[in-house]
Amino acid sequence: MSYEVRRDSRGRVLGTAPYDPRSYDERQIGAPVFDLELHLHQQRSWSQRTFGPGPRTIGVVTHIRKELVEIERAPTDLTEWVDVMLLAFDGAWRAGHSPDDIVRAIAAKQLKNQSRTWPDWRTLPDTAPIEHVPHAETLGDA
């Protein structure tokens, strides 16, 4: 069973209601939009029931490392990339961050990365990480 997040006029989550994506007729209204915050509420609920409460930091990080090895073996397998994303989301809420916090952090980090200076990718081997060029105001920033 899925749930739809209900919000007040300021966007705060009020609660959830049953949601069935099969109820959409894509021919009439187009494909349903994926709601990441809704997904995170659902994932958190399922994960707590399935794996228990608490941070589980070492377990989550160990699992991410295993998935990274699987990506190296099969880099075009989308499910392996998604496994890392789901585990990262799980680790973030277990570290005390709400679904809203996680969604806002993703958007803020992308904006920050887009505002940074990056080296020309053509000058680097494709096996090297491409990291931003540090400036005085961002030294130590991740």
N, C-alpha and C. Protein backbone atom coordinates (compact mmCIF):
# COMPACT_ATOMS: atom_id res chain seq x y z
N MET A 1 0.85 -1.18 0.00
CA MET A 1 0.00 0.00 0.00
C MET A 1 0.89 1.23 0.00
N SER A 2 0.60 2.17 -0.86
CA SER A 2 1.31 3.44 -0.92
C SER A 2 0.50 4.51 -0.21
N TYR A 3 1.16 5.63 0.05
CA TYR A 3 0.48 6.72 0.73
C TYR A 3 0.78 8.03 0.05
N GLU A 4 -0.20 8.90 0.07
CA GLU A 4 -0.07 10.24 -0.47
C GLU A 4 0.12 11.19 0.69
N VAL A 5 1.08 12.09 0.59
CA VAL A 5 1.33 13.05 1.65
C VAL A 5 0.38 14.23 1.48
N ARG A 6 -0.33 14.57 2.56
CA ARG A 6 -1.20 15.76 2.56
C ARG A 6 -0.46 16.89 3.23
N ARG A 7 -0.61 18.11 2.67
CA ARG A 7 0.12 19.27 3.18
C ARG A 7 -0.83 20.42 3.49
N ASP A 8 -0.37 21.31 4.37
CA ASP A 8 -1.14 22.52 4.63
C ASP A 8 -0.74 23.58 3.61
N SER A 9 -1.28 24.79 3.74
CA SER A 9 -1.03 25.85 2.76
C SER A 9 0.43 26.29 2.73
N ARG A 10 1.19 25.97 3.76
CA ARG A 10 2.61 26.34 3.80
C ARG A 10 3.51 25.18 3.37
N GLY A 11 2.91 24.08 2.95
CA GLY A 11 3.68 22.95 2.47
C GLY A 11 4.10 21.97 3.54
N ARG A 12 3.69 22.17 4.77
CA ARG A 12 4.05 21.25 5.84
C ARG A 12 3.21 19.98 5.74
N VAL A 13 3.84 18.86 6.04
CA VAL A 13 3.15 17.57 5.95
C VAL A 13 2.15 17.46 7.09
N LEU A 14 0.88 17.18 6.73
CA LEU A 14 -0.18 16.99 7.71
C LEU A 14 -0.40 15.53 8.03
N GLY A 15 -0.21 14.68 7.05
CA GLY A 15 -0.46 13.26 7.23
C GLY A 15 -0.40 12.57 5.89
N THR A 16 -0.83 11.34 5.88
CA THR A 16 -0.80 10.58 4.64
C THR A 16 -2.16 9.97 4.37
N ALA A 17 -2.40 9.66 3.12
CA ALA A 17 -3.64 9.02 2.71
C ALA A 17 -3.29 7.94 1.69
N PRO A 18 -4.09 6.89 1.57
CA PRO A 18 -3.79 5.85 0.58
C PRO A 18 -3.64 6.43 -0.82
N TYR A 19 -2.71 5.88 -1.57
CA TYR A 19 -2.39 6.35 -2.91
C TYR A 19 -2.13 5.14 -3.78
N ASP A 20 -2.77 5.08 -4.92
CA ASP A 20 -2.56 3.97 -5.84
C ASP A 20 -2.19 4.53 -7.20
N PRO A 21 -0.89 4.43 -7.60
CA PRO A 21 -0.48 5.00 -8.88
C PRO A 21 -1.19 4.38 -10.07
N ARG A 22 -1.78 3.19 -9.90
CA ARG A 22 -2.51 2.55 -11.01
C ARG A 22 -3.82 3.28 -11.31
N SER A 23 -4.23 4.18 -10.39
CA SER A 23 -5.48 4.89 -10.60
C SER A 23 -5.36 5.98 -11.66
N TYR A 24 -4.13 6.29 -12.08
CA TYR A 24 -3.94 7.31 -13.10
C TYR A 24 -4.13 6.71 -14.48
N ASP A 25 -4.82 7.42 -15.33
CA ASP A 25 -4.95 7.02 -16.73
C ASP A 25 -3.97 7.89 -17.51
N GLU A 26 -2.82 7.33 -17.85
CA GLU A 26 -1.77 8.10 -18.51
C GLU A 26 -2.21 8.68 -19.85
N ARG A 27 -3.19 8.06 -20.52
CA ARG A 27 -3.65 8.58 -21.81
C ARG A 27 -4.39 9.90 -21.63
N GLN A 28 -4.96 10.12 -20.45
CA GLN A 28 -5.73 11.34 -20.22
C GLN A 28 -4.91 12.44 -19.57
N ILE A 29 -4.05 12.08 -18.63
CA ILE A 29 -3.36 13.14 -17.89
C ILE A 29 -1.84 13.06 -17.97
N GLY A 30 -1.29 12.11 -18.69
CA GLY A 30 0.15 11.95 -18.75
C GLY A 30 0.64 11.10 -17.59
N ALA A 31 1.90 10.78 -17.62
CA ALA A 31 2.48 9.93 -16.58
C ALA A 31 2.46 10.64 -15.24
N PRO A 32 2.19 9.91 -14.16
CA PRO A 32 2.22 10.53 -12.84
C PRO A 32 3.61 11.06 -12.53
N VAL A 33 3.66 12.16 -11.81
CA VAL A 33 4.93 12.75 -11.40
C VAL A 33 5.43 12.02 -10.16
N PHE A 34 6.70 11.69 -10.15
CA PHE A 34 7.29 11.02 -9.00
C PHE A 34 7.53 12.05 -7.91
N ASP A 35 7.04 11.78 -6.72
CA ASP A 35 7.18 12.68 -5.58
C ASP A 35 8.23 12.09 -4.66
N LEU A 36 9.44 12.67 -4.68
CA LEU A 36 10.54 12.14 -3.88
C LEU A 36 10.23 12.20 -2.39
N GLU A 37 9.63 13.27 -1.93
CA GLU A 37 9.33 13.37 -0.51
C GLU A 37 8.34 12.29 -0.09
N LEU A 38 7.34 12.05 -0.90
CA LEU A 38 6.38 10.98 -0.62
C LEU A 38 7.11 9.63 -0.58
N HIS A 39 7.97 9.41 -1.55
CA HIS A 39 8.73 8.17 -1.58
C HIS A 39 9.55 8.00 -0.30
N LEU A 40 10.17 9.07 0.17
CA LEU A 40 11.01 8.98 1.37
C LEU A 40 10.17 8.66 2.61
N HIS A 41 8.96 9.19 2.68
CA HIS A 41 8.06 8.83 3.79
C HIS A 41 7.75 7.33 3.74
N GLN A 42 7.45 6.83 2.55
CA GLN A 42 7.12 5.41 2.38
C GLN A 42 8.33 4.53 2.67
N GLN A 43 9.49 4.92 2.16
CA GLN A 43 10.70 4.14 2.37
C GLN A 43 11.05 4.08 3.85
N ARG A 44 10.93 5.20 4.54
CA ARG A 44 11.25 5.24 5.96
C ARG A 44 10.35 4.27 6.75
N SER A 45 9.06 4.32 6.47
CA SER A 45 8.11 3.45 7.15
C SER A 45 8.45 1.98 6.90
N TRP A 46 8.67 1.63 5.64
CA TRP A 46 9.00 0.25 5.29
C TRP A 46 10.32 -0.17 5.92
N SER A 47 11.32 0.69 5.86
CA SER A 47 12.64 0.37 6.37
C SER A 47 12.63 0.16 7.89
N GLN A 48 11.89 0.98 8.60
CA GLN A 48 11.79 0.81 10.05
C GLN A 48 11.15 -0.54 10.40
N ARG A 49 10.09 -0.90 9.67
CA ARG A 49 9.43 -2.18 9.91
C ARG A 49 10.35 -3.35 9.54
N THR A 50 11.08 -3.20 8.46
CA THR A 50 11.87 -4.31 7.92
C THR A 50 13.23 -4.46 8.59
N PHE A 51 13.91 -3.34 8.84
CA PHE A 51 15.29 -3.38 9.35
C PHE A 51 15.43 -2.84 10.77
N GLY A 52 14.34 -2.34 11.33
CA GLY A 52 14.38 -1.83 12.70
C GLY A 52 14.78 -0.37 12.77
N PRO A 53 14.66 0.19 13.97
CA PRO A 53 14.97 1.61 14.17
C PRO A 53 16.47 1.83 14.39
N GLY A 54 16.83 3.07 14.55
CA GLY A 54 18.19 3.42 14.91
C GLY A 54 19.05 3.78 13.72
N PRO A 55 20.22 4.32 13.99
CA PRO A 55 21.09 4.82 12.91
C PRO A 55 21.63 3.73 11.98
N ARG A 56 22.06 2.60 12.51
CA ARG A 56 22.60 1.50 11.70
C ARG A 56 23.66 1.99 10.70
N THR A 57 24.41 3.03 11.09
CA THR A 57 25.36 3.69 10.19
C THR A 57 26.36 2.71 9.58
N ILE A 58 27.01 1.91 10.41
CA ILE A 58 28.02 0.98 9.89
C ILE A 58 27.39 -0.01 8.91
N GLY A 59 26.21 -0.53 9.25
CA GLY A 59 25.54 -1.47 8.36
C GLY A 59 25.16 -0.84 7.02
N VAL A 60 24.65 0.38 7.07
CA VAL A 60 24.25 1.06 5.82
C VAL A 60 25.48 1.36 4.96
N VAL A 61 26.54 1.88 5.58
CA VAL A 61 27.75 2.21 4.83
C VAL A 61 28.39 0.95 4.25
N THR A 62 28.42 -0.12 5.02
CA THR A 62 28.97 -1.39 4.52
C THR A 62 28.17 -1.89 3.32
N HIS A 63 26.85 -1.75 3.39
CA HIS A 63 26.00 -2.17 2.27
C HIS A 63 26.26 -1.29 1.04
N ILE A 64 26.42 0.01 1.25
CA ILE A 64 26.73 0.90 0.12
C ILE A 64 28.04 0.48 -0.54
N ARG A 65 29.05 0.16 0.26
CA ARG A 65 30.33 -0.29 -0.31
C ARG A 65 30.16 -1.55 -1.17
N LYS A 66 29.33 -2.50 -0.70
CA LYS A 66 29.06 -3.70 -1.49
C LYS A 66 28.40 -3.35 -2.81
N GLU A 67 27.46 -2.42 -2.76
CA GLU A 67 26.76 -2.02 -3.99
C GLU A 67 27.71 -1.31 -4.95
N LEU A 68 28.67 -0.55 -4.43
CA LEU A 68 29.64 0.12 -5.31
C LEU A 68 30.50 -0.89 -6.06
N VAL A 69 30.84 -1.98 -5.41
CA VAL A 69 31.57 -3.06 -6.08
C VAL A 69 30.71 -3.64 -7.20
N GLU A 70 29.42 -3.81 -6.93
CA GLU A 70 28.52 -4.33 -7.97
C GLU A 70 28.41 -3.36 -9.14
N ILE A 71 28.43 -2.05 -8.88
CA ILE A 71 28.41 -1.07 -9.96
C ILE A 71 29.67 -1.18 -10.80
N GLU A 72 30.82 -1.36 -10.14
CA GLU A 72 32.07 -1.51 -10.90
C GLU A 72 32.02 -2.73 -11.81
N ARG A 73 31.36 -3.78 -11.38
CA ARG A 73 31.23 -5.00 -12.18
C ARG A 73 30.21 -4.84 -13.31
N ALA A 74 29.16 -4.05 -13.07
CA ALA A 74 28.09 -3.89 -14.05
C ALA A 74 27.66 -2.41 -14.10
N PRO A 75 28.50 -1.55 -14.66
CA PRO A 75 28.24 -0.10 -14.60
C PRO A 75 27.00 0.38 -15.35
N THR A 76 26.44 -0.42 -16.22
CA THR A 76 25.22 0.00 -16.93
C THR A 76 23.95 -0.53 -16.28
N ASP A 77 24.08 -1.26 -15.19
CA ASP A 77 22.92 -1.82 -14.49
C ASP A 77 22.29 -0.75 -13.60
N LEU A 78 21.22 -0.18 -14.06
CA LEU A 78 20.55 0.91 -13.32
C LEU A 78 20.13 0.49 -11.92
N THR A 79 19.74 -0.76 -11.75
CA THR A 79 19.27 -1.19 -10.43
C THR A 79 20.38 -1.08 -9.38
N GLU A 80 21.62 -1.27 -9.78
CA GLU A 80 22.73 -1.14 -8.82
C GLU A 80 22.92 0.31 -8.41
N TRP A 81 22.79 1.23 -9.34
CA TRP A 81 22.88 2.66 -9.02
C TRP A 81 21.73 3.06 -8.09
N VAL A 82 20.55 2.54 -8.36
CA VAL A 82 19.39 2.85 -7.52
C VAL A 82 19.56 2.27 -6.12
N ASP A 83 20.17 1.09 -6.01
CA ASP A 83 20.43 0.53 -4.69
C ASP A 83 21.24 1.51 -3.83
N VAL A 84 22.26 2.14 -4.43
CA VAL A 84 23.08 3.10 -3.69
C VAL A 84 22.24 4.30 -3.25
N MET A 85 21.39 4.78 -4.16
CA MET A 85 20.53 5.93 -3.81
C MET A 85 19.60 5.59 -2.65
N LEU A 86 18.95 4.43 -2.73
CA LEU A 86 18.02 4.05 -1.68
C LEU A 86 18.73 3.87 -0.34
N LEU A 87 19.91 3.29 -0.37
CA LEU A 87 20.68 3.14 0.87
C LEU A 87 21.11 4.50 1.42
N ALA A 88 21.49 5.42 0.54
CA ALA A 88 21.87 6.76 0.99
C ALA A 88 20.67 7.46 1.63
N PHE A 89 19.50 7.34 1.02
CA PHE A 89 18.29 7.93 1.63
C PHE A 89 18.03 7.30 2.99
N ASP A 90 18.18 5.98 3.07
CA ASP A 90 17.95 5.28 4.33
C ASP A 90 18.92 5.79 5.40
N GLY A 91 20.18 5.93 5.04
CA GLY A 91 21.17 6.45 5.98
C GLY A 91 20.86 7.86 6.43
N ALA A 92 20.38 8.70 5.51
CA ALA A 92 20.08 10.10 5.84
C ALA A 92 18.94 10.20 6.84
N TRP A 93 17.84 9.47 6.64
CA TRP A 93 16.75 9.59 7.62
C TRP A 93 17.17 8.94 8.93
N ARG A 94 17.96 7.87 8.87
CA ARG A 94 18.42 7.24 10.10
C ARG A 94 19.36 8.16 10.88
N ALA A 95 20.00 9.09 10.20
CA ALA A 95 20.87 10.08 10.85
C ALA A 95 20.07 11.24 11.42
N GLY A 96 18.75 11.18 11.28
CA GLY A 96 17.90 12.19 11.91
C GLY A 96 17.30 13.22 10.97
N HIS A 97 17.44 13.04 9.67
CA HIS A 97 16.93 14.03 8.71
C HIS A 97 15.56 13.62 8.18
N SER A 98 14.66 14.58 8.12
CA SER A 98 13.30 14.33 7.64
C SER A 98 13.31 14.22 6.11
N PRO A 99 12.25 13.64 5.53
CA PRO A 99 12.14 13.63 4.07
C PRO A 99 12.26 15.04 3.47
N ASP A 100 11.62 16.02 4.11
CA ASP A 100 11.72 17.39 3.63
C ASP A 100 13.16 17.89 3.69
N ASP A 101 13.87 17.60 4.78
CA ASP A 101 15.29 17.98 4.89
C ASP A 101 16.10 17.39 3.75
N ILE A 102 15.86 16.11 3.46
CA ILE A 102 16.63 15.41 2.42
C ILE A 102 16.37 16.03 1.05
N VAL A 103 15.10 16.27 0.73
CA VAL A 103 14.76 16.86 -0.57
C VAL A 103 15.38 18.25 -0.70
N ARG A 104 15.28 19.06 0.34
CA ARG A 104 15.86 20.41 0.30
C ARG A 104 17.38 20.35 0.19
N ALA A 105 18.01 19.40 0.87
CA ALA A 105 19.47 19.27 0.81
C ALA A 105 19.93 18.87 -0.60
N ILE A 106 19.17 17.99 -1.25
CA ILE A 106 19.51 17.59 -2.62
C ILE A 106 19.47 18.82 -3.54
N ALA A 107 18.40 19.60 -3.44
CA ALA A 107 18.26 20.78 -4.30
C ALA A 107 19.35 21.81 -3.99
N ALA A 108 19.62 22.04 -2.71
CA ALA A 108 20.64 23.03 -2.32
C ALA A 108 22.03 22.60 -2.79
N LYS A 109 22.33 21.32 -2.63
CA LYS A 109 23.65 20.83 -3.04
C LYS A 109 23.83 20.92 -4.55
N GLN A 110 22.76 20.63 -5.31
CA GLN A 110 22.88 20.74 -6.77
C GLN A 110 23.13 22.19 -7.18
N LEU A 111 22.40 23.12 -6.56
CA LEU A 111 22.62 24.54 -6.86
C LEU A 111 24.04 24.97 -6.51
N LYS A 112 24.53 24.49 -5.37
CA LYS A 112 25.89 24.82 -4.95
C LYS A 112 26.90 24.28 -5.96
N ASN A 113 26.71 23.01 -6.38
CA ASN A 113 27.63 22.43 -7.36
C ASN A 113 27.59 23.19 -8.68
N GLN A 114 26.42 23.62 -9.10
CA GLN A 114 26.30 24.36 -10.36
C GLN A 114 26.95 25.73 -10.28
N SER A 115 27.11 26.27 -9.08
CA SER A 115 27.73 27.59 -8.93
C SER A 115 29.25 27.50 -8.81
N ARG A 116 29.78 26.32 -8.68
CA ARG A 116 31.22 26.13 -8.51
C ARG A 116 31.95 26.12 -9.85
N THR A 117 33.26 26.29 -9.77
CA THR A 117 34.12 26.20 -10.93
C THR A 117 34.66 24.77 -11.01
N TRP A 118 34.59 24.20 -12.20
CA TRP A 118 35.02 22.82 -12.40
C TRP A 118 36.12 22.77 -13.46
N PRO A 119 37.07 21.86 -13.33
CA PRO A 119 38.10 21.74 -14.37
C PRO A 119 37.50 21.21 -15.67
N ASP A 120 38.20 21.44 -16.74
CA ASP A 120 37.76 20.92 -18.03
C ASP A 120 37.89 19.39 -18.01
N TRP A 121 36.79 18.71 -18.13
CA TRP A 121 36.77 17.25 -18.04
C TRP A 121 37.65 16.60 -19.10
N ARG A 122 37.86 17.30 -20.22
CA ARG A 122 38.69 16.74 -21.30
C ARG A 122 40.16 16.65 -20.92
N THR A 123 40.56 17.35 -19.85
CA THR A 123 41.97 17.33 -19.43
C THR A 123 42.26 16.24 -18.40
N LEU A 124 41.24 15.49 -18.01
CA LEU A 124 41.39 14.48 -16.97
C LEU A 124 41.09 13.09 -17.52
N PRO A 125 41.80 12.08 -17.00
CA PRO A 125 41.46 10.72 -17.41
C PRO A 125 40.07 10.36 -16.91
N ASP A 126 39.35 9.51 -17.63
CA ASP A 126 37.99 9.18 -17.20
C ASP A 126 37.95 8.30 -15.96
N THR A 127 39.10 7.89 -15.47
CA THR A 127 39.16 7.12 -14.22
C THR A 127 39.39 8.02 -13.01
N ALA A 128 39.62 9.31 -13.24
CA ALA A 128 39.88 10.25 -12.14
C ALA A 128 38.59 10.94 -11.72
N PRO A 129 38.42 11.17 -10.42
CA PRO A 129 37.25 11.96 -10.00
C PRO A 129 37.42 13.40 -10.48
N ILE A 130 36.32 14.03 -10.81
CA ILE A 130 36.36 15.45 -11.20
C ILE A 130 35.83 16.24 -10.00
N GLU A 131 36.72 16.97 -9.37
CA GLU A 131 36.35 17.74 -8.19
C GLU A 131 36.39 19.22 -8.51
N HIS A 132 35.56 19.99 -7.81
CA HIS A 132 35.50 21.42 -8.08
C HIS A 132 36.82 22.09 -7.73
N VAL A 133 37.06 23.24 -8.35
CA VAL A 133 38.25 24.02 -8.08
C VAL A 133 37.97 24.82 -6.81
N PRO A 134 38.73 24.58 -5.74
CA PRO A 134 38.44 25.29 -4.49
C PRO A 134 38.78 26.77 -4.60
N HIS A 135 37.93 27.59 -4.00
CA HIS A 135 38.16 29.03 -3.91
C HIS A 135 38.30 29.35 -2.43
N ALA A 136 38.81 30.51 -2.12
CA ALA A 136 39.03 30.88 -0.72
C ALA A 136 37.74 30.77 0.10
N GLU A 137 36.60 31.18 -0.49
CA GLU A 137 35.35 31.17 0.27
C GLU A 137 34.76 29.77 0.43
N THR A 138 35.24 28.78 -0.33
CA THR A 138 34.67 27.44 -0.22
C THR A 138 35.68 26.41 0.29
N LEU A 139 36.87 26.85 0.69
CA LEU A 139 37.83 25.88 1.20
C LEU A 139 37.23 25.12 2.37
N GLY A 140 37.41 23.83 2.34
CA GLY A 140 36.86 22.99 3.39
C GLY A 140 35.41 22.62 3.18
N ASP A 141 34.76 23.21 2.19
CA ASP A 141 33.36 22.90 1.89
C ASP A 141 33.30 21.59 1.14
N ALA A 142 32.31 20.79 1.42
CA ALA A 142 32.15 19.52 0.71
C ALA A 142 31.06 19.61 -0.32
